[in-house]
Amino acid sequence: MSALFSQQIGIDVKRDAYGGVTIDFHRGFPRITVPLPSRKEKCIFSLKPISHTVGDFIHMLKAEDRGIDRACITTLEGLRISSHNTIESLLESDFRLVINDVTYDVSPPEQEKYTMETMQKLSDVQVTVSQLYETLQCTEHNSILEREVIAELEQVMLELQPLEEKKMELEVAAERRANLHSWIGLVAMAVQFGILARLTWWEYSWDIMEPVTYFVTYATGMLCYIYFVVTRQEYMLPEVMNRRYLKAFHRRAKAVGLDLTRYNMLKDQAYELETTLKIIRGPLWNHKNKVEQKLRQKMRSSSSSSSSSSRSRSPSSSPSQEKTKPT
């Protein structure tokens, strides 16, 4: 009994010498100050309430002081707390920290608990701050972004301009070539009609030429079907003209050295930049621009009218001055 009493007194003296375990919060993170048994000094352990667990805290203690053989955390009733519990759940109530043979009663400080009304106020403040930030920064950010997009669009249009000029020249030449083919087809049909008419009414009779015209018609139908097999398109005159136009255009573009792939890529890039510019400026930008143009026109018209009226007044004033000089 005396030995147990002396051991208890020794533990109490050791507690008083080293001090107890204290907990405080620094920038929202809990800091646990623990007296180390081997070094006889206090050590601060900064923990993360969500990611760190009780096991992490015990591991930190043993890693800091190799003289710690046994360390655990229990409730005030003596129930052991699992090492997988988070530090946040540990700090919700009082607990005991056992290091070797020394037991420390730890009372975490009370944390401020936010009510629903407080959270709603904080949410309103956050919304107000975000609106102020948007009002102050969004316009400046949009103006900077608009200048960047306009500069990039100007660079793309500058590179696209010579390609556009070549493309327009090739379009005119391809259109002329397609029209030439249509006239050649008309001439061929007229020649065919003249030959058949000559053979029917002058050289032979209709009885002889009737099967010939049938085979000519059937051969024409076969040619249309061959066109469908080759091109996978129905023989419709607008589509035929478009095909002749495209073939002539691509052939001349290859001969001239026009890179159609680069041209199409620049056109797509210009379209994307123009769309981005419209989104940045907003739907009311065109209306605002029209209003500003009207105001400028009114200012110009008013300035021109005032200048014309001043000019009309100046000749009338000069004779009066000449008349007043002799007197």
C-alpha atoms as a PDB file:
ATOM      1  CA  MET A   1       0.000   0.000   0.000  1.00  0.00           C
ATOM      2  CA  SER A   2       2.836   2.358   0.830  1.00  0.00           C
ATOM      3  CA  ALA A   3       4.627   1.460  -2.398  1.00  0.00           C
ATOM      4  CA  LEU A   4       1.482   2.196  -4.422  1.00  0.00           C
ATOM      5  CA  PHE A   5       1.064   5.502  -2.572  1.00  0.00           C
ATOM      6  CA  SER A   6       4.665   6.462  -3.246  1.00  0.00           C
ATOM      7  CA  GLN A   7       4.278   5.544  -6.949  1.00  0.00           C
ATOM      8  CA  GLN A   8       1.135   7.700  -7.190  1.00  0.00           C
ATOM      9  CA  ILE A   9       2.982  10.584  -5.543  1.00  0.00           C
ATOM     10  CA  GLY A  10       5.829  10.127  -8.029  1.00  0.00           C
ATOM     11  CA  ILE A  11       3.398  10.326 -10.950  1.00  0.00           C
ATOM     12  CA  ASP A  12       1.785  13.465  -9.524  1.00  0.00           C
ATOM     13  CA  VAL A  13       5.203  15.047  -9.059  1.00  0.00           C
ATOM     14  CA  LYS A  14       6.109  14.145 -12.637  1.00  0.00           C
ATOM     15  CA  ARG A  15       2.881  15.746 -13.867  1.00  0.00           C
ATOM     16  CA  ASP A  16       3.573  18.937 -11.986  1.00  0.00           C
ATOM     17  CA  ALA A  17       7.149  19.027 -13.242  1.00  0.00           C
ATOM     18  CA  TYR A  18       6.409  18.546 -16.882  1.00  0.00           C
ATOM     19  CA  GLY A  19       2.936  20.042 -16.995  1.00  0.00           C
ATOM     20  CA  GLY A  20      -0.182  18.603 -18.578  1.00  0.00           C
ATOM     21  CA  VAL A  21      -1.394  18.231 -22.141  1.00  0.00           C
ATOM     22  CA  THR A  22      -2.918  21.394 -23.584  1.00  0.00           C
ATOM     23  CA  ILE A  23      -4.798  22.020 -26.814  1.00  0.00           C
ATOM     24  CA  ASP A  24      -5.191  25.295 -28.670  1.00  0.00           C
ATOM     25  CA  PHE A  25      -6.170  26.279 -32.199  1.00  0.00           C
ATOM     26  CA  HIS A  26      -3.863  28.137 -34.554  1.00  0.00           C
ATOM     27  CA  ARG A  27      -5.339  29.334 -37.873  1.00  0.00           C
ATOM     28  CA  GLY A  28      -8.095  26.772 -37.581  1.00  0.00           C
ATOM     29  CA  PHE A  29      -5.786  23.794 -36.939  1.00  0.00           C
ATOM     30  CA  PRO A  30      -5.512  22.126 -33.515  1.00  0.00           C
ATOM     31  CA  ARG A  31      -2.133  22.166 -31.787  1.00  0.00           C
ATOM     32  CA  ILE A  32      -1.566  19.628 -28.998  1.00  0.00           C
ATOM     33  CA  THR A  33       1.263  20.360 -26.556  1.00  0.00           C
ATOM     34  CA  VAL A  34       2.547  17.120 -24.992  1.00  0.00           C
ATOM     35  CA  PRO A  35       5.382  16.700 -22.421  1.00  0.00           C
ATOM     36  CA  LEU A  36       7.881  14.126 -23.686  1.00  0.00           C
ATOM     37  CA  PRO A  37       9.099  11.647 -21.038  1.00  0.00           C
ATOM     38  CA  SER A  38      12.663  11.154 -22.295  1.00  0.00           C
ATOM     39  CA  ARG A  39      13.634  14.716 -23.143  1.00  0.00           C
ATOM     40  CA  LYS A  40      11.691  16.241 -20.230  1.00  0.00           C
ATOM     41  CA  GLU A  41      10.413  19.002 -22.497  1.00  0.00           C
ATOM     42  CA  LYS A  42       7.189  19.936 -24.204  1.00  0.00           C
ATOM     43  CA  CYS A  43       6.534  19.397 -27.903  1.00  0.00           C
ATOM     44  CA  ILE A  44       3.820  20.919 -30.081  1.00  0.00           C
ATOM     45  CA  PHE A  45       2.060  18.696 -32.605  1.00  0.00           C
ATOM     46  CA  SER A  46       0.064  20.461 -35.350  1.00  0.00           C
ATOM     47  CA  LEU A  47      -2.697  18.219 -36.675  1.00  0.00           C
ATOM     48  CA  LYS A  48      -5.257  18.334 -39.432  1.00  0.00           C
ATOM     49  CA  PRO A  49      -8.730  17.665 -38.043  1.00  0.00           C
ATOM     50  CA  ILE A  50     -10.055  15.828 -41.094  1.00  0.00           C
ATOM     51  CA  SER A  51      -7.123  13.993 -42.669  1.00  0.00           C
ATOM     52  CA  HIS A  52      -5.213  13.052 -39.506  1.00  0.00           C
ATOM     53  CA  THR A  53      -6.410  10.242 -37.237  1.00  0.00           C
ATOM     54  CA  VAL A  54      -5.717   9.125 -33.677  1.00  0.00           C
ATOM     55  CA  GLY A  55      -3.263   6.572 -35.058  1.00  0.00           C
ATOM     56  CA  ASP A  56      -1.352   9.327 -36.871  1.00  0.00           C
ATOM     57  CA  PHE A  57      -1.084  11.289 -33.630  1.00  0.00           C
ATOM     58  CA  ILE A  58       0.230   8.234 -31.727  1.00  0.00           C
ATOM     59  CA  HIS A  59       2.735   7.575 -34.519  1.00  0.00           C
ATOM     60  CA  MET A  60       3.948  11.190 -34.313  1.00  0.00           C
ATOM     61  CA  LEU A  61       4.453  10.837 -30.566  1.00  0.00           C
ATOM     62  CA  LYS A  62       6.523   7.657 -30.894  1.00  0.00           C
ATOM     63  CA  ALA A  63       8.533   9.093 -33.789  1.00  0.00           C
ATOM     64  CA  GLU A  64       9.325  12.247 -31.802  1.00  0.00           C
ATOM     65  CA  ASP A  65      10.370  10.432 -28.615  1.00  0.00           C
ATOM     66  CA  ARG A  66      11.876   6.950 -28.959  1.00  0.00           C
ATOM     67  CA  GLY A  67      11.479   6.429 -25.226  1.00  0.00           C
ATOM     68  CA  ILE A  68       7.713   6.084 -25.537  1.00  0.00           C
ATOM     69  CA  ASP A  69       6.938   2.370 -25.374  1.00  0.00           C
ATOM     70  CA  ARG A  70       3.204   2.582 -24.910  1.00  0.00           C
ATOM     71  CA  ALA A  71       0.797   5.312 -25.958  1.00  0.00           C
ATOM     72  CA  CYS A  72      -2.954   5.238 -26.360  1.00  0.00           C
ATOM     73  CA  ILE A  73      -6.003   7.441 -26.030  1.00  0.00           C
ATOM     74  CA  THR A  74      -9.062   6.482 -23.996  1.00  0.00           C
ATOM     75  CA  THR A  75     -12.256   8.072 -22.842  1.00  0.00           C
ATOM     76  CA  LEU A  76     -12.715   9.314 -19.296  1.00  0.00           C
ATOM     77  CA  GLU A  77     -14.436   6.006 -18.540  1.00  0.00           C
ATOM     78  CA  GLY A  78     -11.361   4.047 -19.696  1.00  0.00           C
ATOM     79  CA  LEU A  79     -12.659   2.879 -23.094  1.00  0.00           C
ATOM     80  CA  ARG A  80      -9.959   2.795 -25.748  1.00  0.00           C
ATOM     81  CA  ILE A  81     -10.525   5.092 -28.754  1.00  0.00           C
ATOM     82  CA  SER A  82      -9.873   3.521 -32.148  1.00  0.00           C
ATOM     83  CA  SER A  83      -6.812   4.649 -34.061  1.00  0.00           C
ATOM     84  CA  HIS A  84      -8.968   5.224 -37.153  1.00  0.00           C
ATOM     85  CA  ASN A  85     -11.027   7.981 -35.507  1.00  0.00           C
ATOM     86  CA  THR A  86     -10.341  11.437 -36.862  1.00  0.00           C
ATOM     87  CA  ILE A  87      -8.882  14.238 -34.791  1.00  0.00           C
ATOM     88  CA  GLU A  88     -12.076  16.208 -35.328  1.00  0.00           C
ATOM     89  CA  SER A  89     -14.171  13.531 -33.611  1.00  0.00           C
ATOM     90  CA  LEU A  90     -11.547  13.198 -30.854  1.00  0.00           C
ATOM     91  CA  LEU A  91     -11.752  16.890 -29.961  1.00  0.00           C
ATOM     92  CA  GLU A  92     -15.508  16.806 -29.531  1.00  0.00           C
ATOM     93  CA  SER A  93     -15.228  15.604 -25.900  1.00  0.00           C
ATOM     94  CA  ASP A  94     -12.705  15.163 -23.079  1.00  0.00           C
ATOM     95  CA  PHE A  95     -10.289  12.227 -23.278  1.00  0.00           C
ATOM     96  CA  ARG A  96      -7.247  10.705 -21.619  1.00  0.00           C
ATOM     97  CA  LEU A  97      -3.786  10.387 -23.136  1.00  0.00           C
ATOM     98  CA  VAL A  98      -1.707   7.525 -21.728  1.00  0.00           C
ATOM     99  CA  ILE A  99       2.064   7.714 -22.331  1.00  0.00           C
ATOM    100  CA  ASN A 100       3.969   4.813 -20.793  1.00  0.00           C
ATOM    101  CA  ASP A 101       2.699   4.857 -17.182  1.00  0.00           C
ATOM    102  CA  VAL A 102       1.554   8.495 -17.113  1.00  0.00           C
ATOM    103  CA  THR A 103      -2.077   9.439 -17.714  1.00  0.00           C
ATOM    104  CA  TYR A 104      -3.116  12.938 -18.812  1.00  0.00           C
ATOM    105  CA  ASP A 105      -6.685  14.206 -18.654  1.00  0.00           C
ATOM    106  CA  VAL A 106      -7.223  16.425 -21.687  1.00  0.00           C
ATOM    107  CA  SER A 107     -10.057  18.920 -22.059  1.00  0.00           C
ATOM    108  CA  PRO A 108     -10.266  20.378 -25.585  1.00  0.00           C
ATOM    109  CA  PRO A 109     -11.306  24.022 -25.805  1.00  0.00           C
ATOM    110  CA  GLU A 110     -14.850  24.716 -26.843  1.00  0.00           C
ATOM    111  CA  GLN A 111     -15.157  25.268 -30.564  1.00  0.00           C
ATOM    112  CA  GLU A 112     -17.465  27.879 -31.963  1.00  0.00           C
ATOM    113  CA  LYS A 113     -20.542  26.229 -33.435  1.00  0.00           C
ATOM    114  CA  TYR A 114     -22.321  28.049 -36.202  1.00  0.00           C
ATOM    115  CA  THR A 115     -26.097  28.139 -36.251  1.00  0.00           C
ATOM    116  CA  MET A 116     -28.206  28.057 -39.397  1.00  0.00           C
ATOM    117  CA  GLU A 117     -28.843  31.784 -39.071  1.00  0.00           C
ATOM    118  CA  THR A 118     -25.108  32.476 -38.890  1.00  0.00           C
ATOM    119  CA  MET A 119     -24.438  30.219 -41.865  1.00  0.00           C
ATOM    120  CA  GLN A 120     -27.149  32.027 -43.842  1.00  0.00           C
ATOM    121  CA  LYS A 121     -25.565  35.372 -43.005  1.00  0.00           C
ATOM    122  CA  LEU A 122     -22.161  34.087 -44.079  1.00  0.00           C
ATOM    123  CA  SER A 123     -23.696  32.821 -47.316  1.00  0.00           C
ATOM    124  CA  ASP A 124     -25.273  36.237 -47.963  1.00  0.00           C
ATOM    125  CA  VAL A 125     -21.944  37.942 -47.298  1.00  0.00           C
ATOM    126  CA  GLN A 126     -20.200  35.535 -49.665  1.00  0.00           C
ATOM    127  CA  VAL A 127     -22.752  36.227 -52.405  1.00  0.00           C
ATOM    128  CA  THR A 128     -22.370  39.982 -51.906  1.00  0.00           C
ATOM    129  CA  VAL A 129     -18.578  39.754 -52.064  1.00  0.00           C
ATOM    130  CA  SER A 130     -18.740  37.646 -55.219  1.00  0.00           C
ATOM    131  CA  GLN A 131     -21.111  40.160 -56.825  1.00  0.00           C
ATOM    132  CA  LEU A 132     -18.796  43.025 -55.919  1.00  0.00           C
ATOM    133  CA  TYR A 133     -15.824  41.130 -57.309  1.00  0.00           C
ATOM    134  CA  GLU A 134     -17.716  40.399 -60.515  1.00  0.00           C
ATOM    135  CA  THR A 135     -18.743  44.031 -60.849  1.00  0.00           C
ATOM    136  CA  LEU A 136     -15.224  45.339 -60.260  1.00  0.00           C
ATOM    137  CA  GLN A 137     -13.190  42.715 -62.074  1.00  0.00           C
ATOM    138  CA  CYS A 138     -15.436  41.233 -64.771  1.00  0.00           C
ATOM    139  CA  THR A 139     -15.473  44.353 -66.940  1.00  0.00           C
ATOM    140  CA  GLU A 140     -11.709  44.732 -66.806  1.00  0.00           C
ATOM    141  CA  HIS A 141     -11.183  41.029 -67.445  1.00  0.00           C
ATOM    142  CA  ASN A 142     -13.579  41.101 -70.398  1.00  0.00           C
ATOM    143  CA  SER A 143     -11.857  44.136 -71.889  1.00  0.00           C
ATOM    144  CA  ILE A 144      -8.444  42.446 -71.620  1.00  0.00           C
ATOM    145  CA  LEU A 145      -9.821  39.231 -73.088  1.00  0.00           C
ATOM    146  CA  GLU A 146     -11.550  41.182 -75.866  1.00  0.00           C
ATOM    147  CA  ARG A 147      -8.289  42.890 -76.843  1.00  0.00           C
ATOM    148  CA  GLU A 148      -6.487  39.543 -76.910  1.00  0.00           C
ATOM    149  CA  VAL A 149      -9.177  37.949 -79.093  1.00  0.00           C
ATOM    150  CA  ILE A 150      -9.238  40.951 -81.455  1.00  0.00           C
ATOM    151  CA  ALA A 151      -5.443  40.845 -81.817  1.00  0.00           C
ATOM    152  CA  GLU A 152      -5.539  37.121 -82.578  1.00  0.00           C
ATOM    153  CA  LEU A 153      -8.414  37.630 -85.021  1.00  0.00           C
ATOM    154  CA  GLU A 154      -6.505  40.387 -86.820  1.00  0.00           C
ATOM    155  CA  GLN A 155      -3.506  38.086 -87.165  1.00  0.00           C
ATOM    156  CA  VAL A 156      -5.691  35.310 -88.598  1.00  0.00           C
ATOM    157  CA  MET A 157      -7.435  37.683 -91.020  1.00  0.00           C
ATOM    158  CA  LEU A 158      -4.072  39.080 -92.121  1.00  0.00           C
ATOM    159  CA  GLU A 159      -2.899  35.575 -92.970  1.00  0.00           C
ATOM    160  CA  LEU A 160      -6.238  34.736 -94.554  1.00  0.00           C
ATOM    161  CA  GLN A 161      -6.436  37.776 -96.864  1.00  0.00           C
ATOM    162  CA  PRO A 162      -4.017  36.587 -99.617  1.00  0.00           C
ATOM    163  CA  LEU A 163      -5.626  33.160 -99.561  1.00  0.00           C
ATOM    164  CA  GLU A 164      -9.038  34.772 -99.992  1.00  0.00           C
ATOM    165  CA  GLU A 165      -7.818  36.720-103.027  1.00  0.00           C
ATOM    166  CA  LYS A 166      -6.454  33.559-104.644  1.00  0.00           C
ATOM    167  CA  LYS A 167      -9.654  31.715-103.825  1.00  0.00           C
ATOM    168  CA  MET A 168     -11.804  34.390-105.477  1.00  0.00           C
ATOM    169  CA  GLU A 169      -9.690  34.212-108.648  1.00  0.00           C
ATOM    170  CA  LEU A 170      -9.963  30.426-108.708  1.00  0.00           C
ATOM    171  CA  GLU A 171     -13.724  30.606-108.139  1.00  0.00           C
ATOM    172  CA  VAL A 172     -14.153  32.874-111.162  1.00  0.00           C
ATOM    173  CA  ALA A 173     -12.011  30.575-113.332  1.00  0.00           C
ATOM    174  CA  ALA A 174     -13.808  27.433-112.113  1.00  0.00           C
ATOM    175  CA  GLU A 175     -17.217  29.037-112.715  1.00  0.00           C
ATOM    176  CA  ARG A 176     -16.159  29.965-116.230  1.00  0.00           C
ATOM    177  CA  ARG A 177     -14.936  26.410-116.846  1.00  0.00           C
ATOM    178  CA  ALA A 178     -18.197  24.887-115.578  1.00  0.00           C
ATOM    179  CA  ASN A 179     -20.243  27.220-117.800  1.00  0.00           C
ATOM    180  CA  LEU A 180     -18.057  26.240-120.760  1.00  0.00           C
ATOM    181  CA  HIS A 181     -18.828  22.574-120.149  1.00  0.00           C
ATOM    182  CA  SER A 182     -22.553  23.318-120.017  1.00  0.00           C
ATOM    183  CA  TRP A 183     -22.387  25.114-123.368  1.00  0.00           C
ATOM    184  CA  ILE A 184     -20.344  22.250-124.832  1.00  0.00           C
ATOM    185  CA  GLY A 185     -23.090  19.850-123.714  1.00  0.00           C
ATOM    186  CA  LEU A 186     -25.727  22.028-125.356  1.00  0.00           C
ATOM    187  CA  VAL A 187     -23.731  22.131-128.604  1.00  0.00           C
ATOM    188  CA  ALA A 188     -23.323  18.334-128.513  1.00  0.00           C
ATOM    189  CA  MET A 189     -27.078  17.894-128.069  1.00  0.00           C
ATOM    190  CA  ALA A 190     -27.736  20.280-130.975  1.00  0.00           C
ATOM    191  CA  VAL A 191     -25.281  18.383-133.206  1.00  0.00           C
ATOM    192  CA  GLN A 192     -26.903  15.085-132.238  1.00  0.00           C
ATOM    193  CA  PHE A 193     -30.328  16.517-133.036  1.00  0.00           C
ATOM    194  CA  GLY A 194     -29.117  17.817-136.409  1.00  0.00           C
ATOM    195  CA  ILE A 195     -27.527  14.477-137.372  1.00  0.00           C
ATOM    196  CA  LEU A 196     -30.638  12.511-136.435  1.00  0.00           C
ATOM    197  CA  ALA A 197     -32.875  14.989-138.279  1.00  0.00           C
ATOM    198  CA  ARG A 198     -30.670  14.819-141.371  1.00  0.00           C
ATOM    199  CA  LEU A 199     -30.701  11.017-141.363  1.00  0.00           C
ATOM    200  CA  THR A 200     -34.441  10.865-140.698  1.00  0.00           C
ATOM    201  CA  TRP A 201     -35.823  13.333-143.270  1.00  0.00           C
ATOM    202  CA  TRP A 202     -33.138  13.556-145.936  1.00  0.00           C
ATOM    203  CA  GLU A 203     -30.961  10.436-145.995  1.00  0.00           C
ATOM    204  CA  TYR A 204     -33.264   7.706-144.680  1.00  0.00           C
ATOM    205  CA  SER A 205     -36.813   7.385-143.399  1.00  0.00           C
ATOM    206  CA  TRP A 206     -38.355   7.273-139.928  1.00  0.00           C
ATOM    207  CA  ASP A 207     -38.841   3.517-140.196  1.00  0.00           C
ATOM    208  CA  ILE A 208     -35.087   3.061-140.440  1.00  0.00           C
ATOM    209  CA  MET A 209     -34.095   5.710-137.872  1.00  0.00           C
ATOM    210  CA  GLU A 210     -36.632   4.760-135.200  1.00  0.00           C
ATOM    211  CA  PRO A 211     -34.517   1.870-133.783  1.00  0.00           C
ATOM    212  CA  VAL A 212     -31.420   4.081-134.032  1.00  0.00           C
ATOM    213  CA  THR A 213     -33.017   6.785-131.913  1.00  0.00           C
ATOM    214  CA  TYR A 214     -34.130   4.113-129.438  1.00  0.00           C
ATOM    215  CA  PHE A 215     -30.566   2.859-129.015  1.00  0.00           C
ATOM    216  CA  VAL A 216     -29.295   6.433-128.756  1.00  0.00           C
ATOM    217  CA  THR A 217     -31.803   7.098-125.964  1.00  0.00           C
ATOM    218  CA  TYR A 218     -30.897   3.833-124.232  1.00  0.00           C
ATOM    219  CA  ALA A 219     -27.191   4.653-124.490  1.00  0.00           C
ATOM    220  CA  THR A 220     -27.878   8.045-122.900  1.00  0.00           C
ATOM    221  CA  GLY A 221     -29.646   6.289-120.009  1.00  0.00           C
ATOM    222  CA  MET A 222     -26.666   3.947-119.631  1.00  0.00           C
ATOM    223  CA  LEU A 223     -24.328   6.931-119.460  1.00  0.00           C
ATOM    224  CA  CYS A 224     -26.454   8.439-116.668  1.00  0.00           C
ATOM    225  CA  TYR A 225     -26.334   5.141-114.761  1.00  0.00           C
ATOM    226  CA  ILE A 226     -22.561   4.927-115.239  1.00  0.00           C
ATOM    227  CA  TYR A 227     -22.326   8.450-113.813  1.00  0.00           C
ATOM    228  CA  PHE A 228     -24.261   7.282-110.730  1.00  0.00           C
ATOM    229  CA  VAL A 229     -22.027   4.217-110.289  1.00  0.00           C
ATOM    230  CA  VAL A 230     -18.861   6.319-110.475  1.00  0.00           C
ATOM    231  CA  THR A 231     -19.936   9.357-108.431  1.00  0.00           C
ATOM    232  CA  ARG A 232     -22.710   7.880-106.231  1.00  0.00           C
ATOM    233  CA  GLN A 233     -24.846  10.879-107.175  1.00  0.00           C
ATOM    234  CA  GLU A 234     -27.979  11.112-109.258  1.00  0.00           C
ATOM    235  CA  TYR A 235     -27.490  12.711-112.660  1.00  0.00           C
ATOM    236  CA  MET A 236     -29.134  16.043-111.855  1.00  0.00           C
ATOM    237  CA  LEU A 237     -27.914  19.031-113.809  1.00  0.00           C
ATOM    238  CA  PRO A 238     -27.295  21.347-110.802  1.00  0.00           C
ATOM    239  CA  GLU A 239     -25.270  18.612-109.079  1.00  0.00           C
ATOM    240  CA  VAL A 240     -23.361  17.895-112.289  1.00  0.00           C
ATOM    241  CA  MET A 241     -22.522  21.588-112.636  1.00  0.00           C
ATOM    242  CA  ASN A 242     -21.414  21.749-108.996  1.00  0.00           C
ATOM    243  CA  ARG A 243     -19.201  18.695-109.485  1.00  0.00           C
ATOM    244  CA  ARG A 244     -17.564  20.183-112.572  1.00  0.00           C
ATOM    245  CA  TYR A 245     -17.047  23.435-110.661  1.00  0.00           C
ATOM    246  CA  LEU A 246     -15.394  21.681-107.698  1.00  0.00           C
ATOM    247  CA  LYS A 247     -13.152  19.555-109.904  1.00  0.00           C
ATOM    248  CA  ALA A 248     -11.967  22.599-111.835  1.00  0.00           C
ATOM    249  CA  PHE A 249     -11.482  24.585-108.605  1.00  0.00           C
ATOM    250  CA  HIS A 250      -9.386  21.906-106.857  1.00  0.00           C
ATOM    251  CA  ARG A 251      -7.337  21.238-109.993  1.00  0.00           C
ATOM    252  CA  ARG A 252      -6.471  24.911-110.398  1.00  0.00           C
ATOM    253  CA  ALA A 253      -5.826  25.311-106.649  1.00  0.00           C
ATOM    254  CA  LYS A 254      -3.309  22.481-106.778  1.00  0.00           C
ATOM    255  CA  ALA A 255      -1.660  24.012-109.849  1.00  0.00           C
ATOM    256  CA  VAL A 256      -1.454  27.495-108.296  1.00  0.00           C
ATOM    257  CA  GLY A 257      -0.282  26.189-104.899  1.00  0.00           C
ATOM    258  CA  LEU A 258      -3.255  27.233-102.783  1.00  0.00           C
ATOM    259  CA  ASP A 259      -3.291  25.187 -99.559  1.00  0.00           C
ATOM    260  CA  LEU A 260      -7.003  24.529 -99.079  1.00  0.00           C
ATOM    261  CA  THR A 261      -6.401  22.647 -95.815  1.00  0.00           C
ATOM    262  CA  ARG A 262      -4.663  25.672 -94.328  1.00  0.00           C
ATOM    263  CA  TYR A 263      -7.381  27.941 -95.707  1.00  0.00           C
ATOM    264  CA  ASN A 264     -10.178  25.874 -94.131  1.00  0.00           C
ATOM    265  CA  MET A 265      -8.309  25.758 -90.816  1.00  0.00           C
ATOM    266  CA  LEU A 266      -7.918  29.550 -90.801  1.00  0.00           C
ATOM    267  CA  LYS A 267     -11.597  30.003 -91.662  1.00  0.00           C
ATOM    268  CA  ASP A 268     -12.629  27.750 -88.770  1.00  0.00           C
ATOM    269  CA  GLN A 269     -10.275  29.590 -86.433  1.00  0.00           C
ATOM    270  CA  ALA A 270     -11.658  32.966 -87.539  1.00  0.00           C
ATOM    271  CA  TYR A 271     -15.219  31.727 -86.986  1.00  0.00           C
ATOM    272  CA  GLU A 272     -14.358  30.501 -83.486  1.00  0.00           C
ATOM    273  CA  LEU A 273     -12.689  33.807 -82.606  1.00  0.00           C
ATOM    274  CA  GLU A 274     -15.654  35.804 -83.922  1.00  0.00           C
ATOM    275  CA  THR A 275     -18.032  33.638 -81.898  1.00  0.00           C
ATOM    276  CA  THR A 276     -15.877  34.115 -78.791  1.00  0.00           C
ATOM    277  CA  LEU A 277     -15.840  37.865 -79.396  1.00  0.00           C
ATOM    278  CA  LYS A 278     -19.644  37.924 -79.645  1.00  0.00           C
ATOM    279  CA  ILE A 279     -19.923  36.010 -76.366  1.00  0.00           C
ATOM    280  CA  ILE A 280     -17.517  38.399 -74.617  1.00  0.00           C
ATOM    281  CA  ARG A 281     -19.254  41.523 -75.887  1.00  0.00           C
ATOM    282  CA  GLY A 282     -22.714  40.220 -75.060  1.00  0.00           C
ATOM    283  CA  PRO A 283     -26.016  40.457 -76.920  1.00  0.00           C
ATOM    284  CA  LEU A 284     -26.406  44.223 -76.369  1.00  0.00           C
ATOM    285  CA  TRP A 285     -23.079  45.181 -77.935  1.00  0.00           C
ATOM    286  CA  ASN A 286     -24.481  45.546 -81.473  1.00  0.00           C
ATOM    287  CA  HIS A 287     -27.313  47.755 -80.237  1.00  0.00           C
ATOM    288  CA  LYS A 288     -24.858  49.857 -78.237  1.00  0.00           C
ATOM    289  CA  ASN A 289     -22.583  50.176 -81.264  1.00  0.00           C
ATOM    290  CA  LYS A 290     -25.488  51.315 -83.468  1.00  0.00           C
ATOM    291  CA  VAL A 291     -26.527  53.922 -80.897  1.00  0.00           C
ATOM    292  CA  GLU A 292     -22.955  55.239 -80.696  1.00  0.00           C
ATOM    293  CA  GLN A 293     -22.754  55.453 -84.501  1.00  0.00           C
ATOM    294  CA  LYS A 294     -26.010  57.425 -84.614  1.00  0.00           C
ATOM    295  CA  LEU A 295     -24.704  59.816 -81.957  1.00  0.00           C
ATOM    296  CA  ARG A 296     -21.488  60.311 -83.923  1.00  0.00           C
ATOM    297  CA  GLN A 297     -23.453  61.029 -87.097  1.00  0.00           C
ATOM    298  CA  LYS A 298     -25.575  63.577 -85.247  1.00  0.00           C
ATOM    299  CA  MET A 299     -22.460  65.246 -83.848  1.00  0.00           C
ATOM    300  CA  ARG A 300     -20.903  65.392 -87.309  1.00  0.00           C
ATOM    301  CA  SER A 301     -24.069  66.791 -88.890  1.00  0.00           C
ATOM    302  CA  SER A 302     -24.397  69.420 -86.156  1.00  0.00           C
ATOM    303  CA  SER A 303     -20.736  70.417 -86.495  1.00  0.00           C
ATOM    304  CA  SER A 304     -21.022  70.625 -90.305  1.00  0.00           C
ATOM    305  CA  SER A 305     -24.187  72.756 -90.069  1.00  0.00           C
ATOM    306  CA  SER A 306     -22.537  75.107 -87.576  1.00  0.00           C
ATOM    307  CA  SER A 307     -19.463  75.478 -89.801  1.00  0.00           C
ATOM    308  CA  SER A 308     -21.634  76.190 -92.880  1.00  0.00           C
ATOM    309  CA  SER A 309     -23.630  78.826 -90.985  1.00  0.00           C
ATOM    310  CA  SER A 310     -20.424  80.536 -89.842  1.00  0.00           C
ATOM    311  CA  ARG A 311     -19.151  80.575 -93.430  1.00  0.00           C
ATOM    312  CA  SER A 312     -22.412  82.091 -94.680  1.00  0.00           C
ATOM    313  CA  ARG A 313     -22.183  84.858 -92.078  1.00  0.00           C
ATOM    314  CA  SER A 314     -18.576  85.825 -92.816  1.00  0.00           C
ATOM    315  CA  PRO A 315     -19.134  87.307 -96.386  1.00  0.00           C
ATOM    316  CA  SER A 316     -22.017  89.528 -95.198  1.00  0.00           C
ATOM    317  CA  SER A 317     -19.932  91.010 -92.433  1.00  0.00           C
ATOM    318  CA  SER A 318     -17.011  92.042 -94.657  1.00  0.00           C
ATOM    319  CA  PRO A 319     -18.916  94.628 -96.833  1.00  0.00           C
ATOM    320  CA  SER A 320     -20.290  96.335 -93.769  1.00  0.00           C
ATOM    321  CA  GLN A 321     -16.782  96.715 -92.462  1.00  0.00           C
ATOM    322  CA  GLU A 322     -15.653  98.194 -95.782  1.00  0.00           C
ATOM    323  CA  LYS A 323     -18.518 100.683 -95.676  1.00  0.00           C
ATOM    324  CA  THR A 324     -17.697 101.813 -92.176  1.00  0.00           C
ATOM    325  CA  LYS A 325     -14.051 102.461 -92.934  1.00  0.00           C
ATOM    326  CA  PRO A 326     -14.553 105.726 -95.018  1.00  0.00           C
ATOM    327  CA  THR A 327     -16.698 107.273 -92.301  1.00  0.00           C
END
